[in-house]
């Protein structure tokens, strides 16, 4: 499937036993990633680092909240140690989410409920470049359209890495590939005004061969945010999403239109007071602000499906502006 010596056409299995706080739907459909798709058996398939992968979870029949994570992939197929290390990091398996939920739930009944409902969420540690471009695409967009735009970008400018059930698979386009394109070269991807941001950001990243972005998570959070905000098309929400979902900065608290409304309706804050929301998150959620944000978003998303009347009472969809940054429309 690929000429990369670290990969082969043969899928190999990686298994992690005794995993707690893990749910594939919670993880892959909470708005942090866009190239994973649910399969008929409940597993999720996606493209990671230019390789196909399928992730499933089998609960332990005798113990609650414990199970086995199984990955089939051709990523690092010939190197078991590196492969296991990669997936352990990607799925954030070394973090104690049981402890985090206990800390966040102290004296906060809303978070107690949210953490219980979304208890299987884990924050993925994704490719920095792909996450950056994906969240630029996410601006003023909803999830189905984000996914469509990203798949078009991969189809038109990524590499063909094989096929699955007759459908071709494509890698995410490289920095080098996108850096030589103009906005008009991305027209078939239906990116709209985001095309210029993507082309300009690719050129900015390519200026040092991607070295700054690659090492970015080593920067202090404030310095890292300043760097990301200097890139075309990156505002505070996109910067925070990139830091949270690819750079392990779990203290950041991404705020989009939905999170403003959640904090307003649920915590009684002014929806215009985003600095107040960040201060609240820093005081009450601390180093786990980003994880708390994921629990809250998932809580509202599931409330809409499971208890429409309660969701309606919150009035989250009232008076919604036509052009508001909304990376994760419910």
C-alpha atoms as a PDB file:
ATOM      1  CA  UNK A   1       0.000   0.000   0.000  1.00  0.00           C
ATOM      2  CA  UNK A   2       2.910   2.371   0.518  1.00  0.00           C
ATOM      3  CA  UNK A   3       6.567   2.734  -0.402  1.00  0.00           C
ATOM      4  CA  UNK A   4       7.387   4.020   3.102  1.00  0.00           C
ATOM      5  CA  UNK A   5       9.798   1.512   4.706  1.00  0.00           C
ATOM      6  CA  UNK A   6       8.083   2.011   8.077  1.00  0.00           C
ATOM      7  CA  UNK A   7       4.828   0.700   6.636  1.00  0.00           C
ATOM      8  CA  UNK A   8       3.722  -2.319   4.693  1.00  0.00           C
ATOM      9  CA  UNK A   9       0.573  -3.405   2.937  1.00  0.00           C
ATOM     10  CA  UNK A  10      -0.104  -5.957   5.691  1.00  0.00           C
ATOM     11  CA  UNK A  11      -2.275  -4.917   8.611  1.00  0.00           C
ATOM     12  CA  UNK A  12      -0.902  -5.919  12.000  1.00  0.00           C
ATOM     13  CA  UNK A  13      -2.657  -6.045  15.338  1.00  0.00           C
ATOM     14  CA  UNK A  14      -1.783  -4.010  18.406  1.00  0.00           C
ATOM     15  CA  UNK A  15      -3.653  -4.805  21.615  1.00  0.00           C
ATOM     16  CA  UNK A  16      -3.873  -2.936  24.920  1.00  0.00           C
ATOM     17  CA  UNK A  17      -5.481  -4.769  27.833  1.00  0.00           C
ATOM     18  CA  UNK A  18      -6.934  -3.393  31.073  1.00  0.00           C
ATOM     19  CA  UNK A  19      -7.894  -0.029  29.535  1.00  0.00           C
ATOM     20  CA  UNK A  20     -10.334   2.128  31.507  1.00  0.00           C
ATOM     21  CA  UNK A  21     -12.355   5.174  30.448  1.00  0.00           C
ATOM     22  CA  UNK A  22     -12.433   4.401  26.733  1.00  0.00           C
ATOM     23  CA  UNK A  23     -15.338   4.630  24.301  1.00  0.00           C
ATOM     24  CA  UNK A  24     -14.776   4.787  20.546  1.00  0.00           C
ATOM     25  CA  UNK A  25     -17.886   6.868  19.841  1.00  0.00           C
ATOM     26  CA  UNK A  26     -17.046   9.361  22.592  1.00  0.00           C
ATOM     27  CA  UNK A  27     -13.491   9.701  21.284  1.00  0.00           C
ATOM     28  CA  UNK A  28     -13.988   9.831  17.531  1.00  0.00           C
ATOM     29  CA  UNK A  29     -17.231  11.815  17.405  1.00  0.00           C
ATOM     30  CA  UNK A  30     -16.576  14.568  19.925  1.00  0.00           C
ATOM     31  CA  UNK A  31     -15.256  17.019  17.318  1.00  0.00           C
ATOM     32  CA  UNK A  32     -11.535  16.590  17.867  1.00  0.00           C
ATOM     33  CA  UNK A  33     -10.817  14.639  14.660  1.00  0.00           C
ATOM     34  CA  UNK A  34     -12.346  14.435  11.188  1.00  0.00           C
ATOM     35  CA  UNK A  35     -11.012  11.394   9.310  1.00  0.00           C
ATOM     36  CA  UNK A  36     -12.416   8.563  11.440  1.00  0.00           C
ATOM     37  CA  UNK A  37     -15.623   6.792  10.394  1.00  0.00           C
ATOM     38  CA  UNK A  38     -17.838   4.419  12.340  1.00  0.00           C
ATOM     39  CA  UNK A  39     -18.033   0.886  10.925  1.00  0.00           C
ATOM     40  CA  UNK A  40     -21.016  -1.510  11.098  1.00  0.00           C
ATOM     41  CA  UNK A  41     -19.381  -3.461  13.938  1.00  0.00           C
ATOM     42  CA  UNK A  42     -18.978  -0.313  16.051  1.00  0.00           C
ATOM     43  CA  UNK A  43     -15.257   0.076  15.429  1.00  0.00           C
ATOM     44  CA  UNK A  44     -13.784   3.198  13.789  1.00  0.00           C
ATOM     45  CA  UNK A  45     -11.548   3.341  10.720  1.00  0.00           C
ATOM     46  CA  UNK A  46      -9.359   6.242   9.670  1.00  0.00           C
ATOM     47  CA  UNK A  47      -6.122   7.397   8.115  1.00  0.00           C
ATOM     48  CA  UNK A  48      -3.284   8.188  10.518  1.00  0.00           C
ATOM     49  CA  UNK A  49       0.165   9.362   9.424  1.00  0.00           C
ATOM     50  CA  UNK A  50      -0.553   8.136   5.901  1.00  0.00           C
ATOM     51  CA  UNK A  51      -1.661   4.671   7.004  1.00  0.00           C
ATOM     52  CA  UNK A  52      -5.010   2.927   7.397  1.00  0.00           C
ATOM     53  CA  UNK A  53      -6.109   2.097  10.941  1.00  0.00           C
ATOM     54  CA  UNK A  54      -9.106   0.500  12.622  1.00  0.00           C
ATOM     55  CA  UNK A  55      -9.725   0.892  16.375  1.00  0.00           C
ATOM     56  CA  UNK A  56     -12.167  -1.184  18.409  1.00  0.00           C
ATOM     57  CA  UNK A  57     -12.928  -1.605  22.084  1.00  0.00           C
ATOM     58  CA  UNK A  58     -14.178  -4.769  23.781  1.00  0.00           C
ATOM     59  CA  UNK A  59     -15.567  -4.224  27.308  1.00  0.00           C
ATOM     60  CA  UNK A  60     -14.660  -6.717  30.013  1.00  0.00           C
ATOM     61  CA  UNK A  61     -17.787  -8.748  30.748  1.00  0.00           C
ATOM     62  CA  UNK A  62     -16.963  -9.038  34.447  1.00  0.00           C
ATOM     63  CA  UNK A  63     -15.713  -5.531  35.284  1.00  0.00           C
ATOM     64  CA  UNK A  64     -17.234  -2.142  34.604  1.00  0.00           C
ATOM     65  CA  UNK A  65     -15.244   0.498  32.727  1.00  0.00           C
ATOM     66  CA  UNK A  66     -12.449  -1.912  31.796  1.00  0.00           C
ATOM     67  CA  UNK A  67     -11.775  -3.431  28.412  1.00  0.00           C
ATOM     68  CA  UNK A  68      -9.426  -4.187  25.562  1.00  0.00           C
ATOM     69  CA  UNK A  69      -8.387  -1.751  22.830  1.00  0.00           C
ATOM     70  CA  UNK A  70      -7.514  -3.413  19.556  1.00  0.00           C
ATOM     71  CA  UNK A  71      -5.896  -1.649  16.585  1.00  0.00           C
ATOM     72  CA  UNK A  72      -5.417  -3.061  13.104  1.00  0.00           C
ATOM     73  CA  UNK A  73      -3.074  -0.914  11.034  1.00  0.00           C
ATOM     74  CA  UNK A  74      -0.117  -0.945   8.679  1.00  0.00           C
ATOM     75  CA  UNK A  75       1.510   1.991  10.478  1.00  0.00           C
ATOM     76  CA  UNK A  76       4.970   0.954  11.717  1.00  0.00           C
ATOM     77  CA  UNK A  77       4.021  -2.611  10.883  1.00  0.00           C
ATOM     78  CA  UNK A  78       7.573  -3.947  11.114  1.00  0.00           C
ATOM     79  CA  UNK A  79       8.491  -2.316  14.442  1.00  0.00           C
ATOM     80  CA  UNK A  80       6.409  -3.568  17.349  1.00  0.00           C
ATOM     81  CA  UNK A  81       7.970  -1.356  20.028  1.00  0.00           C
ATOM     82  CA  UNK A  82       7.598   1.878  18.071  1.00  0.00           C
ATOM     83  CA  UNK A  83       4.097   0.888  16.969  1.00  0.00           C
ATOM     84  CA  UNK A  84       2.926   0.250  20.524  1.00  0.00           C
ATOM     85  CA  UNK A  85       4.515   3.493  21.733  1.00  0.00           C
ATOM     86  CA  UNK A  86       2.890   5.430  18.913  1.00  0.00           C
ATOM     87  CA  UNK A  87      -0.639   4.170  19.579  1.00  0.00           C
ATOM     88  CA  UNK A  88      -0.281   4.496  23.348  1.00  0.00           C
ATOM     89  CA  UNK A  89       0.561   8.170  22.832  1.00  0.00           C
ATOM     90  CA  UNK A  90      -2.016   8.775  20.076  1.00  0.00           C
ATOM     91  CA  UNK A  91      -4.868   7.377  22.184  1.00  0.00           C
ATOM     92  CA  UNK A  92      -3.536   8.989  25.395  1.00  0.00           C
ATOM     93  CA  UNK A  93      -3.600   5.652  27.187  1.00  0.00           C
ATOM     94  CA  UNK A  94      -1.104   6.616  29.900  1.00  0.00           C
ATOM     95  CA  UNK A  95      -3.322   9.374  31.323  1.00  0.00           C
ATOM     96  CA  UNK A  96      -5.488   8.547  34.345  1.00  0.00           C
ATOM     97  CA  UNK A  97      -8.920   9.787  33.274  1.00  0.00           C
ATOM     98  CA  UNK A  98     -10.615   8.257  36.302  1.00  0.00           C
ATOM     99  CA  UNK A  99      -8.567  10.603  38.474  1.00  0.00           C
ATOM    100  CA  UNK A 100      -9.287  13.561  36.179  1.00  0.00           C
ATOM    101  CA  UNK A 101     -13.039  12.969  36.326  1.00  0.00           C
ATOM    102  CA  UNK A 102     -12.891  12.793  40.104  1.00  0.00           C
ATOM    103  CA  UNK A 103     -10.976  16.085  40.305  1.00  0.00           C
ATOM    104  CA  UNK A 104     -13.251  17.904  37.859  1.00  0.00           C
ATOM    105  CA  UNK A 105     -16.407  16.643  39.526  1.00  0.00           C
ATOM    106  CA  UNK A 106     -15.567  17.930  42.995  1.00  0.00           C
ATOM    107  CA  UNK A 107     -18.310  20.387  44.017  1.00  0.00           C
ATOM    108  CA  UNK A 108     -19.549  20.715  40.415  1.00  0.00           C
ATOM    109  CA  UNK A 109     -22.700  18.680  39.788  1.00  0.00           C
ATOM    110  CA  UNK A 110     -22.826  19.776  36.140  1.00  0.00           C
ATOM    111  CA  UNK A 111     -19.343  18.435  35.494  1.00  0.00           C
ATOM    112  CA  UNK A 112     -20.169  15.323  37.491  1.00  0.00           C
ATOM    113  CA  UNK A 113     -22.998  14.597  35.092  1.00  0.00           C
ATOM    114  CA  UNK A 114     -20.992  15.565  32.003  1.00  0.00           C
ATOM    115  CA  UNK A 115     -17.998  13.444  33.008  1.00  0.00           C
ATOM    116  CA  UNK A 116     -20.256  10.467  33.686  1.00  0.00           C
ATOM    117  CA  UNK A 117     -22.030  10.733  30.322  1.00  0.00           C
ATOM    118  CA  UNK A 118     -18.804  11.302  28.370  1.00  0.00           C
ATOM    119  CA  UNK A 119     -16.641   9.114  30.526  1.00  0.00           C
ATOM    120  CA  UNK A 120     -15.073   7.340  27.572  1.00  0.00           C
ATOM    121  CA  UNK A 121     -13.542  10.466  26.030  1.00  0.00           C
ATOM    122  CA  UNK A 122      -9.783  10.564  25.619  1.00  0.00           C
ATOM    123  CA  UNK A 123      -8.015  13.504  23.985  1.00  0.00           C
ATOM    124  CA  UNK A 124      -6.086  12.281  20.954  1.00  0.00           C
ATOM    125  CA  UNK A 125      -2.493  13.338  20.289  1.00  0.00           C
ATOM    126  CA  UNK A 126      -2.753  13.921  16.561  1.00  0.00           C
ATOM    127  CA  UNK A 127      -0.377  15.052  13.833  1.00  0.00           C
ATOM    128  CA  UNK A 128       0.271  18.775  14.354  1.00  0.00           C
ATOM    129  CA  UNK A 129       0.203  19.766  10.695  1.00  0.00           C
ATOM    130  CA  UNK A 130      -2.999  17.879   9.922  1.00  0.00           C
ATOM    131  CA  UNK A 131      -4.690  19.254  13.040  1.00  0.00           C
ATOM    132  CA  UNK A 132      -3.694  22.809  12.190  1.00  0.00           C
ATOM    133  CA  UNK A 133      -5.082  22.669   8.658  1.00  0.00           C
ATOM    134  CA  UNK A 134      -8.170  20.716   9.734  1.00  0.00           C
ATOM    135  CA  UNK A 135      -9.179  23.347  12.273  1.00  0.00           C
ATOM    136  CA  UNK A 136      -8.587  26.152   9.797  1.00  0.00           C
ATOM    137  CA  UNK A 137     -11.044  24.264   7.575  1.00  0.00           C
ATOM    138  CA  UNK A 138     -13.434  23.972  10.539  1.00  0.00           C
ATOM    139  CA  UNK A 139     -14.108  27.707  10.796  1.00  0.00           C
ATOM    140  CA  UNK A 140     -17.739  28.671  10.128  1.00  0.00           C
ATOM    141  CA  UNK A 141     -18.413  25.058   9.262  1.00  0.00           C
ATOM    142  CA  UNK A 142     -20.297  22.001  10.531  1.00  0.00           C
ATOM    143  CA  UNK A 143     -18.849  18.547  10.989  1.00  0.00           C
ATOM    144  CA  UNK A 144     -20.208  16.835   7.830  1.00  0.00           C
ATOM    145  CA  UNK A 145     -18.968  19.684   5.651  1.00  0.00           C
ATOM    146  CA  UNK A 146     -15.601  19.801   7.438  1.00  0.00           C
ATOM    147  CA  UNK A 147     -15.186  16.088   6.771  1.00  0.00           C
ATOM    148  CA  UNK A 148     -16.139  16.517   3.120  1.00  0.00           C
ATOM    149  CA  UNK A 149     -13.689  19.378   2.611  1.00  0.00           C
ATOM    150  CA  UNK A 150     -10.846  17.485   4.273  1.00  0.00           C
ATOM    151  CA  UNK A 151     -11.497  14.328   2.265  1.00  0.00           C
ATOM    152  CA  UNK A 152     -11.531  16.400  -0.936  1.00  0.00           C
ATOM    153  CA  UNK A 153      -8.242  18.020   0.071  1.00  0.00           C
ATOM    154  CA  UNK A 154      -6.719  14.569   0.658  1.00  0.00           C
ATOM    155  CA  UNK A 155      -8.131  13.146  -2.565  1.00  0.00           C
ATOM    156  CA  UNK A 156      -6.861  16.027  -4.705  1.00  0.00           C
ATOM    157  CA  UNK A 157      -3.506  16.650  -3.052  1.00  0.00           C
ATOM    158  CA  UNK A 158      -2.619  13.662  -0.862  1.00  0.00           C
ATOM    159  CA  UNK A 159      -1.005  10.364  -1.879  1.00  0.00           C
ATOM    160  CA  UNK A 160      -2.981   7.281  -2.819  1.00  0.00           C
ATOM    161  CA  UNK A 161      -2.082   4.743  -0.127  1.00  0.00           C
ATOM    162  CA  UNK A 162      -4.221   1.847  -1.304  1.00  0.00           C
ATOM    163  CA  UNK A 163      -7.880   0.989  -1.059  1.00  0.00           C
ATOM    164  CA  UNK A 164     -10.445  -0.464   1.306  1.00  0.00           C
ATOM    165  CA  UNK A 165     -13.369  -2.449  -0.088  1.00  0.00           C
ATOM    166  CA  UNK A 166     -12.727  -0.905  -3.476  1.00  0.00           C
ATOM    167  CA  UNK A 167     -12.595   2.659  -2.186  1.00  0.00           C
ATOM    168  CA  UNK A 168      -9.269   4.507  -2.645  1.00  0.00           C
ATOM    169  CA  UNK A 169      -7.518   5.833   0.450  1.00  0.00           C
ATOM    170  CA  UNK A 170      -5.443   9.009   0.573  1.00  0.00           C
ATOM    171  CA  UNK A 171      -2.920  10.474   2.968  1.00  0.00           C
ATOM    172  CA  UNK A 172      -3.220  14.004   4.295  1.00  0.00           C
ATOM    173  CA  UNK A 173      -1.336  16.394   1.965  1.00  0.00           C
ATOM    174  CA  UNK A 174       2.148  17.326   3.100  1.00  0.00           C
ATOM    175  CA  UNK A 175       3.385  20.803   3.977  1.00  0.00           C
ATOM    176  CA  UNK A 176       5.553  20.722   0.870  1.00  0.00           C
ATOM    177  CA  UNK A 177       2.645  19.871  -1.389  1.00  0.00           C
ATOM    178  CA  UNK A 178       0.303  22.581  -0.127  1.00  0.00           C
ATOM    179  CA  UNK A 179       3.017  25.231   0.157  1.00  0.00           C
ATOM    180  CA  UNK A 180       3.424  25.435  -3.632  1.00  0.00           C
ATOM    181  CA  UNK A 181      -0.289  25.885  -4.296  1.00  0.00           C
ATOM    182  CA  UNK A 182      -2.351  29.026  -4.623  1.00  0.00           C
ATOM    183  CA  UNK A 183      -5.837  29.480  -3.244  1.00  0.00           C
ATOM    184  CA  UNK A 184      -7.321  28.922  -6.698  1.00  0.00           C
ATOM    185  CA  UNK A 185      -5.537  25.551  -6.938  1.00  0.00           C
ATOM    186  CA  UNK A 186      -7.713  24.391  -4.028  1.00  0.00           C
ATOM    187  CA  UNK A 187     -10.983  25.364  -5.696  1.00  0.00           C
ATOM    188  CA  UNK A 188     -12.209  21.801  -6.207  1.00  0.00           C
ATOM    189  CA  UNK A 189     -12.060  21.209  -2.447  1.00  0.00           C
ATOM    190  CA  UNK A 190     -14.839  23.772  -1.849  1.00  0.00           C
ATOM    191  CA  UNK A 191     -12.925  25.480   0.931  1.00  0.00           C
ATOM    192  CA  UNK A 192     -14.185  28.974   0.178  1.00  0.00           C
ATOM    193  CA  UNK A 193     -12.245  31.790   1.825  1.00  0.00           C
ATOM    194  CA  UNK A 194     -10.331  29.188   3.869  1.00  0.00           C
ATOM    195  CA  UNK A 195      -8.347  28.172   0.762  1.00  0.00           C
ATOM    196  CA  UNK A 196      -6.191  31.300   0.962  1.00  0.00           C
ATOM    197  CA  UNK A 197      -5.549  30.756   4.664  1.00  0.00           C
ATOM    198  CA  UNK A 198      -4.475  27.172   3.998  1.00  0.00           C
ATOM    199  CA  UNK A 199      -2.132  28.084   1.146  1.00  0.00           C
ATOM    200  CA  UNK A 200      -0.605  30.983   3.103  1.00  0.00           C
ATOM    201  CA  UNK A 201      -0.214  28.942   6.295  1.00  0.00           C
ATOM    202  CA  UNK A 202       1.437  26.113   4.350  1.00  0.00           C
ATOM    203  CA  UNK A 203       3.993  28.557   2.973  1.00  0.00           C
ATOM    204  CA  UNK A 204       4.604  29.987   6.445  1.00  0.00           C
ATOM    205  CA  UNK A 205       5.188  26.516   7.923  1.00  0.00           C
ATOM    206  CA  UNK A 206       7.399  25.488   4.988  1.00  0.00           C
ATOM    207  CA  UNK A 207       9.754  28.433   5.480  1.00  0.00           C
ATOM    208  CA  UNK A 208      11.737  26.503   8.098  1.00  0.00           C
ATOM    209  CA  UNK A 209      10.820  23.065   6.850  1.00  0.00           C
ATOM    210  CA  UNK A 210       8.181  22.662   9.556  1.00  0.00           C
ATOM    211  CA  UNK A 211      10.764  22.633  12.361  1.00  0.00           C
ATOM    212  CA  UNK A 212       9.001  25.226  14.524  1.00  0.00           C
ATOM    213  CA  UNK A 213       5.651  23.469  14.282  1.00  0.00           C
ATOM    214  CA  UNK A 214       7.210  20.071  14.958  1.00  0.00           C
ATOM    215  CA  UNK A 215       8.829  21.283  18.182  1.00  0.00           C
ATOM    216  CA  UNK A 216       5.987  23.621  19.137  1.00  0.00           C
ATOM    217  CA  UNK A 217       4.638  21.624  22.085  1.00  0.00           C
ATOM    218  CA  UNK A 218       7.911  22.290  23.920  1.00  0.00           C
ATOM    219  CA  UNK A 219       7.069  26.010  24.047  1.00  0.00           C
ATOM    220  CA  UNK A 220       5.307  27.536  27.064  1.00  0.00           C
ATOM    221  CA  UNK A 221       1.576  27.721  26.369  1.00  0.00           C
ATOM    222  CA  UNK A 222       1.472  31.523  26.029  1.00  0.00           C
ATOM    223  CA  UNK A 223       4.393  31.543  23.601  1.00  0.00           C
ATOM    224  CA  UNK A 224       2.905  28.683  21.627  1.00  0.00           C
ATOM    225  CA  UNK A 225      -0.446  30.434  21.340  1.00  0.00           C
ATOM    226  CA  UNK A 226       1.298  33.590  20.108  1.00  0.00           C
ATOM    227  CA  UNK A 227       3.097  31.567  17.441  1.00  0.00           C
ATOM    228  CA  UNK A 228      -0.088  29.887  16.244  1.00  0.00           C
ATOM    229  CA  UNK A 229      -1.983  33.190  16.175  1.00  0.00           C
ATOM    230  CA  UNK A 230       0.696  34.558  13.856  1.00  0.00           C
ATOM    231  CA  UNK A 231      -0.326  32.041  11.176  1.00  0.00           C
ATOM    232  CA  UNK A 232      -2.872  33.060   8.509  1.00  0.00           C
ATOM    233  CA  UNK A 233      -6.425  32.066   9.401  1.00  0.00           C
ATOM    234  CA  UNK A 234      -5.674  31.091  12.992  1.00  0.00           C
ATOM    235  CA  UNK A 235      -7.736  32.774  15.706  1.00  0.00           C
ATOM    236  CA  UNK A 236      -7.922  31.977  19.436  1.00  0.00           C
ATOM    237  CA  UNK A 237     -10.341  29.053  19.088  1.00  0.00           C
ATOM    238  CA  UNK A 238      -8.363  27.362  16.309  1.00  0.00           C
ATOM    239  CA  UNK A 239      -5.100  27.917  18.194  1.00  0.00           C
ATOM    240  CA  UNK A 240      -6.540  26.363  21.350  1.00  0.00           C
ATOM    241  CA  UNK A 241      -7.929  23.372  19.456  1.00  0.00           C
ATOM    242  CA  UNK A 242      -4.540  22.751  17.825  1.00  0.00           C
ATOM    243  CA  UNK A 243      -2.789  22.986  21.191  1.00  0.00           C
ATOM    244  CA  UNK A 244      -5.283  20.644  22.863  1.00  0.00           C
ATOM    245  CA  UNK A 245      -5.676  18.007  20.168  1.00  0.00           C
ATOM    246  CA  UNK A 246      -2.079  17.737  18.948  1.00  0.00           C
ATOM    247  CA  UNK A 247       0.265  19.308  21.523  1.00  0.00           C
ATOM    248  CA  UNK A 248      -0.891  17.960  24.909  1.00  0.00           C
ATOM    249  CA  UNK A 249      -1.797  21.401  26.248  1.00  0.00           C
ATOM    250  CA  UNK A 250      -4.747  20.089  28.248  1.00  0.00           C
ATOM    251  CA  UNK A 251      -5.026  23.310  30.254  1.00  0.00           C
ATOM    252  CA  UNK A 252      -6.411  25.318  27.319  1.00  0.00           C
ATOM    253  CA  UNK A 253     -10.169  25.834  27.058  1.00  0.00           C
ATOM    254  CA  UNK A 254     -11.292  26.307  23.421  1.00  0.00           C
ATOM    255  CA  UNK A 255     -14.298  28.625  23.189  1.00  0.00           C
ATOM    256  CA  UNK A 256     -16.552  28.686  20.138  1.00  0.00           C
ATOM    257  CA  UNK A 257     -20.165  29.835  19.781  1.00  0.00           C
ATOM    258  CA  UNK A 258     -21.469  26.606  21.289  1.00  0.00           C
ATOM    259  CA  UNK A 259     -19.152  26.727  24.286  1.00  0.00           C
ATOM    260  CA  UNK A 260     -20.132  30.353  24.917  1.00  0.00           C
ATOM    261  CA  UNK A 261     -23.752  29.277  24.980  1.00  0.00           C
ATOM    262  CA  UNK A 262     -23.064  26.272  27.178  1.00  0.00           C
ATOM    263  CA  UNK A 263     -21.174  28.418  29.685  1.00  0.00           C
ATOM    264  CA  UNK A 264     -23.952  31.009  29.508  1.00  0.00           C
ATOM    265  CA  UNK A 265     -26.931  28.669  29.860  1.00  0.00           C
ATOM    266  CA  UNK A 266     -25.347  26.113  32.177  1.00  0.00           C
ATOM    267  CA  UNK A 267     -22.983  28.192  34.321  1.00  0.00           C
ATOM    268  CA  UNK A 268     -24.883  31.489  34.127  1.00  0.00           C
ATOM    269  CA  UNK A 269     -22.100  33.528  32.536  1.00  0.00           C
ATOM    270  CA  UNK A 270     -22.417  36.342  30.009  1.00  0.00           C
ATOM    271  CA  UNK A 271     -21.909  34.862  26.549  1.00  0.00           C
ATOM    272  CA  UNK A 272     -19.842  37.912  25.595  1.00  0.00           C
ATOM    273  CA  UNK A 273     -17.431  37.477  28.477  1.00  0.00           C
ATOM    274  CA  UNK A 274     -14.968  35.033  26.913  1.00  0.00           C
ATOM    275  CA  UNK A 275     -12.097  36.253  29.101  1.00  0.00           C
ATOM    276  CA  UNK A 276     -14.316  35.491  32.103  1.00  0.00           C
ATOM    277  CA  UNK A 277     -14.937  32.002  30.744  1.00  0.00           C
ATOM    278  CA  UNK A 278     -11.213  31.401  30.358  1.00  0.00           C
ATOM    279  CA  UNK A 279     -10.610  32.665  33.889  1.00  0.00           C
ATOM    280  CA  UNK A 280     -13.402  30.421  35.205  1.00  0.00           C
ATOM    281  CA  UNK A 281     -11.899  27.406  33.430  1.00  0.00           C
ATOM    282  CA  UNK A 282      -8.433  28.198  34.746  1.00  0.00           C
ATOM    283  CA  UNK A 283      -9.715  28.524  38.332  1.00  0.00           C
ATOM    284  CA  UNK A 284     -12.083  25.579  38.349  1.00  0.00           C
ATOM    285  CA  UNK A 285     -10.691  23.121  35.789  1.00  0.00           C
ATOM    286  CA  UNK A 286      -6.991  24.006  35.990  1.00  0.00           C
ATOM    287  CA  UNK A 287      -4.637  21.788  34.016  1.00  0.00           C
ATOM    288  CA  UNK A 288      -7.620  19.786  32.718  1.00  0.00           C
ATOM    289  CA  UNK A 289      -9.535  22.680  31.133  1.00  0.00           C
ATOM    290  CA  UNK A 290      -9.481  21.136  27.668  1.00  0.00           C
ATOM    291  CA  UNK A 291     -10.723  17.790  28.940  1.00  0.00           C
ATOM    292  CA  UNK A 292     -13.505  19.558  30.869  1.00  0.00           C
ATOM    293  CA  UNK A 293     -14.456  21.358  27.661  1.00  0.00           C
ATOM    294  CA  UNK A 294     -14.732  18.023  25.866  1.00  0.00           C
ATOM    295  CA  UNK A 295     -16.988  16.643  28.592  1.00  0.00           C
ATOM    296  CA  UNK A 296     -19.240  19.704  28.406  1.00  0.00           C
ATOM    297  CA  UNK A 297     -19.545  19.668  24.646  1.00  0.00           C
ATOM    298  CA  UNK A 298     -20.269  15.941  24.595  1.00  0.00           C
ATOM    299  CA  UNK A 299     -22.868  16.407  27.353  1.00  0.00           C
ATOM    300  CA  UNK A 300     -24.795  18.958  25.303  1.00  0.00           C
ATOM    301  CA  UNK A 301     -24.453  16.929  22.104  1.00  0.00           C
ATOM    302  CA  UNK A 302     -25.934  13.850  23.764  1.00  0.00           C
ATOM    303  CA  UNK A 303     -28.575  15.857  25.596  1.00  0.00           C
ATOM    304  CA  UNK A 304     -29.966  16.954  22.232  1.00  0.00           C
ATOM    305  CA  UNK A 305     -30.429  13.305  21.234  1.00  0.00           C
ATOM    306  CA  UNK A 306     -31.359  11.722  24.542  1.00  0.00           C
ATOM    307  CA  UNK A 307     -33.473  14.467  26.147  1.00  0.00           C
ATOM    308  CA  UNK A 308     -34.695  16.912  23.477  1.00  0.00           C
ATOM    309  CA  UNK A 309     -37.001  18.695  25.915  1.00  0.00           C
ATOM    310  CA  UNK A 310     -34.164  19.491  28.323  1.00  0.00           C
ATOM    311  CA  UNK A 311     -31.969  20.552  25.414  1.00  0.00           C
ATOM    312  CA  UNK A 312     -34.722  22.818  24.116  1.00  0.00           C
ATOM    313  CA  UNK A 313     -35.061  24.487  27.516  1.00  0.00           C
ATOM    314  CA  UNK A 314     -31.413  25.544  27.367  1.00  0.00           C
ATOM    315  CA  UNK A 315     -32.131  27.566  24.213  1.00  0.00           C
ATOM    316  CA  UNK A 316     -28.721  26.861  22.735  1.00  0.00           C
ATOM    317  CA  UNK A 317     -29.852  27.385  19.155  1.00  0.00           C
ATOM    318  CA  UNK A 318     -31.719  30.655  19.681  1.00  0.00           C
ATOM    319  CA  UNK A 319     -30.661  33.793  17.805  1.00  0.00           C
ATOM    320  CA  UNK A 320     -27.679  32.110  16.232  1.00  0.00           C
ATOM    321  CA  UNK A 321     -25.509  34.438  14.061  1.00  0.00           C
ATOM    322  CA  UNK A 322     -25.151  33.417  10.424  1.00  0.00           C
ATOM    323  CA  UNK A 323     -21.344  33.598  10.402  1.00  0.00           C
ATOM    324  CA  UNK A 324     -19.887  32.465  13.662  1.00  0.00           C
ATOM    325  CA  UNK A 325     -16.887  30.215  14.160  1.00  0.00           C
ATOM    326  CA  UNK A 326     -18.450  26.819  14.824  1.00  0.00           C
ATOM    327  CA  UNK A 327     -16.053  23.937  14.397  1.00  0.00           C
ATOM    328  CA  UNK A 328     -18.354  21.418  16.012  1.00  0.00           C
ATOM    329  CA  UNK A 329     -21.993  21.991  15.194  1.00  0.00           C
ATOM    330  CA  UNK A 330     -24.149  19.641  17.246  1.00  0.00           C
END
